[in-house]
Amino acid sequence: MDPKDIPIRDLHLPAEIGWWPLAPGWWVLIGIASVLLLSGLVLGIIRYREGRARRFALRRLKAAVQDYQQQGDPRELAAALSSLLRRTVLAYAPR
């Protein structure tokens, strides 16, 4: 038989594998990432709210020191620091 007479067709490759729908492992990974992201966001908000008193106290301390540097009255500085200390302690440990 003549090789040129043999009916040969080209090879047909299967269709490419699509990326959708996702495999179950990817859904699990997406779920875990979502939970971690949400919990990190909630913890960040909680820590930000807990630090509100500290940020306020630091701003007031900076203002008291600036007032002292401008006016030079140590009694006013002591009164401001005493008041600030009491307010800060009450913010962290209520009566």
C-alpha atoms as a PDB file:
ATOM      1  CA  MET A   1       0.000   0.000   0.000  1.00  0.00           C
ATOM      2  CA  ASP A   2       1.208   3.440  -0.894  1.00  0.00           C
ATOM      3  CA  PRO A   3       1.762   5.693   2.228  1.00  0.00           C
ATOM      4  CA  LYS A   4       0.360   8.686   0.395  1.00  0.00           C
ATOM      5  CA  ASP A   5      -2.982   6.987  -0.118  1.00  0.00           C
ATOM      6  CA  ILE A   6      -3.603   6.279   3.603  1.00  0.00           C
ATOM      7  CA  PRO A   7      -6.292   8.648   4.985  1.00  0.00           C
ATOM      8  CA  ILE A   8      -4.513  10.223   7.992  1.00  0.00           C
ATOM      9  CA  ARG A   9      -6.050  13.070   9.956  1.00  0.00           C
ATOM     10  CA  ASP A  10      -4.315  15.598  12.217  1.00  0.00           C
ATOM     11  CA  LEU A  11      -4.326  15.041  15.942  1.00  0.00           C
ATOM     12  CA  HIS A  12      -7.138  16.825  17.755  1.00  0.00           C
ATOM     13  CA  LEU A  13      -6.311  18.058  21.246  1.00  0.00           C
ATOM     14  CA  PRO A  14      -9.016  18.227  23.889  1.00  0.00           C
ATOM     15  CA  ALA A  15     -10.489  21.629  24.774  1.00  0.00           C
ATOM     16  CA  GLU A  16      -8.665  23.695  27.384  1.00  0.00           C
ATOM     17  CA  ILE A  17      -9.755  23.283  30.968  1.00  0.00           C
ATOM     18  CA  GLY A  18     -11.806  26.295  32.054  1.00  0.00           C
ATOM     19  CA  TRP A  19     -11.198  28.162  35.280  1.00  0.00           C
ATOM     20  CA  TRP A  20     -14.898  28.335  36.146  1.00  0.00           C
ATOM     21  CA  PRO A  21     -16.540  26.685  38.064  1.00  0.00           C
ATOM     22  CA  LEU A  22     -13.914  26.591  40.757  1.00  0.00           C
ATOM     23  CA  ALA A  23     -12.848  23.352  42.354  1.00  0.00           C
ATOM     24  CA  PRO A  24     -14.023  22.704  45.951  1.00  0.00           C
ATOM     25  CA  GLY A  25     -10.531  23.340  47.316  1.00  0.00           C
ATOM     26  CA  TRP A  26     -10.618  26.898  45.992  1.00  0.00           C
ATOM     27  CA  TRP A  27     -13.997  27.496  47.657  1.00  0.00           C
ATOM     28  CA  VAL A  28     -12.553  26.308  50.965  1.00  0.00           C
ATOM     29  CA  LEU A  29      -9.546  28.595  50.505  1.00  0.00           C
ATOM     30  CA  ILE A  30     -11.808  31.564  49.689  1.00  0.00           C
ATOM     31  CA  GLY A  31     -13.911  30.814  52.777  1.00  0.00           C
ATOM     32  CA  ILE A  32     -10.874  30.646  55.065  1.00  0.00           C
ATOM     33  CA  ALA A  33      -9.444  33.855  53.608  1.00  0.00           C
ATOM     34  CA  SER A  34     -12.803  35.613  54.082  1.00  0.00           C
ATOM     35  CA  VAL A  35     -13.044  34.528  57.707  1.00  0.00           C
ATOM     36  CA  LEU A  36      -9.466  35.633  58.412  1.00  0.00           C
ATOM     37  CA  LEU A  37     -10.012  38.988  56.709  1.00  0.00           C
ATOM     38  CA  LEU A  38     -13.262  39.622  58.566  1.00  0.00           C
ATOM     39  CA  SER A  39     -11.799  38.653  61.946  1.00  0.00           C
ATOM     40  CA  GLY A  40      -8.763  40.857  61.331  1.00  0.00           C
ATOM     41  CA  LEU A  41     -11.034  43.756  60.472  1.00  0.00           C
ATOM     42  CA  VAL A  42     -13.131  43.261  63.610  1.00  0.00           C
ATOM     43  CA  LEU A  43     -10.039  42.987  65.833  1.00  0.00           C
ATOM     44  CA  GLY A  44      -8.571  46.107  64.233  1.00  0.00           C
ATOM     45  CA  ILE A  45     -11.742  48.071  64.942  1.00  0.00           C
ATOM     46  CA  ILE A  46     -11.806  46.847  68.549  1.00  0.00           C
ATOM     47  CA  ARG A  47      -8.151  47.800  69.103  1.00  0.00           C
ATOM     48  CA  TYR A  48      -8.711  51.197  67.511  1.00  0.00           C
ATOM     49  CA  ARG A  49     -11.638  51.882  69.845  1.00  0.00           C
ATOM     50  CA  GLU A  50      -9.699  50.693  72.890  1.00  0.00           C
ATOM     51  CA  GLY A  51      -6.852  53.055  72.031  1.00  0.00           C
ATOM     52  CA  ARG A  52      -9.122  56.100  71.919  1.00  0.00           C
ATOM     53  CA  ALA A  53      -8.404  57.062  75.546  1.00  0.00           C
ATOM     54  CA  ARG A  54      -4.661  56.665  75.025  1.00  0.00           C
ATOM     55  CA  ARG A  55      -4.669  58.861  71.918  1.00  0.00           C
ATOM     56  CA  PHE A  56      -6.733  61.496  73.731  1.00  0.00           C
ATOM     57  CA  ALA A  57      -4.369  61.420  76.709  1.00  0.00           C
ATOM     58  CA  LEU A  58      -1.316  61.785  74.485  1.00  0.00           C
ATOM     59  CA  ARG A  59      -2.853  64.781  72.705  1.00  0.00           C
ATOM     60  CA  ARG A  60      -3.717  66.426  76.022  1.00  0.00           C
ATOM     61  CA  LEU A  61      -0.223  65.705  77.366  1.00  0.00           C
ATOM     62  CA  LYS A  62       1.356  67.296  74.314  1.00  0.00           C
ATOM     63  CA  ALA A  63      -0.901  70.359  74.715  1.00  0.00           C
ATOM     64  CA  ALA A  64      -0.037  70.638  78.441  1.00  0.00           C
ATOM     65  CA  VAL A  65       3.691  70.474  77.722  1.00  0.00           C
ATOM     66  CA  GLN A  66       3.373  73.111  74.999  1.00  0.00           C
ATOM     67  CA  ASP A  67       1.440  75.372  77.396  1.00  0.00           C
ATOM     68  CA  TYR A  68       4.159  74.898  79.992  1.00  0.00           C
ATOM     69  CA  GLN A  69       6.885  75.742  77.483  1.00  0.00           C
ATOM     70  CA  GLN A  70       5.056  78.908  76.480  1.00  0.00           C
ATOM     71  CA  GLN A  71       3.941  80.106  79.927  1.00  0.00           C
ATOM     72  CA  GLY A  72       6.465  78.454  82.250  1.00  0.00           C
ATOM     73  CA  ASP A  73       3.996  77.909  85.123  1.00  0.00           C
ATOM     74  CA  PRO A  74       4.841  74.605  86.880  1.00  0.00           C
ATOM     75  CA  ARG A  75       1.661  74.661  89.023  1.00  0.00           C
ATOM     76  CA  GLU A  76      -0.532  74.778  85.924  1.00  0.00           C
ATOM     77  CA  LEU A  77       1.430  71.889  84.411  1.00  0.00           C
ATOM     78  CA  ALA A  78       1.063  69.842  87.603  1.00  0.00           C
ATOM     79  CA  ALA A  79      -2.694  70.515  87.709  1.00  0.00           C
ATOM     80  CA  ALA A  80      -3.096  69.582  84.047  1.00  0.00           C
ATOM     81  CA  LEU A  81      -1.078  66.377  84.496  1.00  0.00           C
ATOM     82  CA  SER A  82      -3.042  65.422  87.611  1.00  0.00           C
ATOM     83  CA  SER A  83      -6.354  65.938  85.852  1.00  0.00           C
ATOM     84  CA  LEU A  84      -5.146  64.071  82.776  1.00  0.00           C
ATOM     85  CA  LEU A  85      -3.899  61.148  84.850  1.00  0.00           C
ATOM     86  CA  ARG A  86      -7.208  60.826  86.709  1.00  0.00           C
ATOM     87  CA  ARG A  87      -9.260  60.997  83.497  1.00  0.00           C
ATOM     88  CA  THR A  88      -7.073  58.405  81.794  1.00  0.00           C
ATOM     89  CA  VAL A  89      -7.233  55.979  84.714  1.00  0.00           C
ATOM     90  CA  LEU A  90     -11.022  56.309  84.836  1.00  0.00           C
ATOM     91  CA  ALA A  91     -11.182  55.541  81.124  1.00  0.00           C
ATOM     92  CA  TYR A  92      -9.310  52.277  81.602  1.00  0.00           C
ATOM     93  CA  ALA A  93     -10.599  51.249  85.037  1.00  0.00           C
ATOM     94  CA  PRO A  94     -14.050  52.664  85.773  1.00  0.00           C
ATOM     95  CA  ARG A  95     -15.073  53.232  89.356  1.00  0.00           C
END
